[in-house]
Amino acid sequence: MATLILVRHGRSTANTAGLLAGWTPGVALDERGAEQAAALPGRLAGVPLAAAVTSPLQRCRETLAPLLAARPELELHTDERIGECHYGDWSGRKLSELSEEPLMKIVQQHPSAAAFPGGESMRAMQARAVDAVRDWNARIEERDGSDAVFLMCSHGDIIKSLVADALGMHLDLFQRIHVDPCSVTAIRYTQTRPFVFRLGDTGDFGSLVRRPAAPEPVASDKESEDSGNAVVGGGAGAA
């Protein structure tokens, strides 16, 4: 079946402010995110793309803008099923405050049981994203053949849940996966199993270097990692 390239949106203003954006309108790429998006066409140079599918949220559309400018022939589709998790009442709040919520322990350790107040469950988030991928796989393969490659631009928790599905991991283990802003993950689907060829590839190993926690208001991924917790929503990546 077709090969899927998953791109997480570039670093956003919510990432650097330490906010859980969710579907909050008006969340754009910050300066670093715009630079990451501008580099995407070069990183994908030579990779033929049958189509691009994006989350409807602004930060994803801005991430794909340079790629679409470089490839005006590339079809762009929007699919709400790969939009960010509906965090409900948690949307727009500081991650530092949310870390004190009793639900955060469930989100970190038993996400298949987590449902956000006024929002959706993490099970529902994964199910809709997997359905979207399967639908687009079938559509692209029927039109362009089994060697086709297509791209989806989405969000940290969505991509992590798709990787967990591809690896046959229970959703309760998906917090062990990390994808930086504008990272590329590649999954090739076959009739019997998916194969993960790239995971969170940015071409930059700076995020592996241990560094002091960043001062406020920039959110520190290191602080969450040191506590053993994943950064809900995906984090800001390397500085």
Foldseek 3Di string as FASTA:
>chain_A
DAKEKEWEFFFWPCQFQQAQAAQPAPIARDPRRLVLLLCVLVVCPPADAQAEEEEPHHRQVSSCVNVCVVPVVHHYHYDNLQEGFFQAPRHGDHPVVVVPDPLQVCCFQPQQPHQHVRGGGLVSSLVSLVVVVVVVQVVCCVVPNLHHYHYYYHWWSNVLSVVCVQVVHDPSPSLVAAAAHRFIWMWRDDPVGIDTDDGNHSVDPQLVDDDDADDPSGHGQVVCVVVVGHSPGHHHGHD
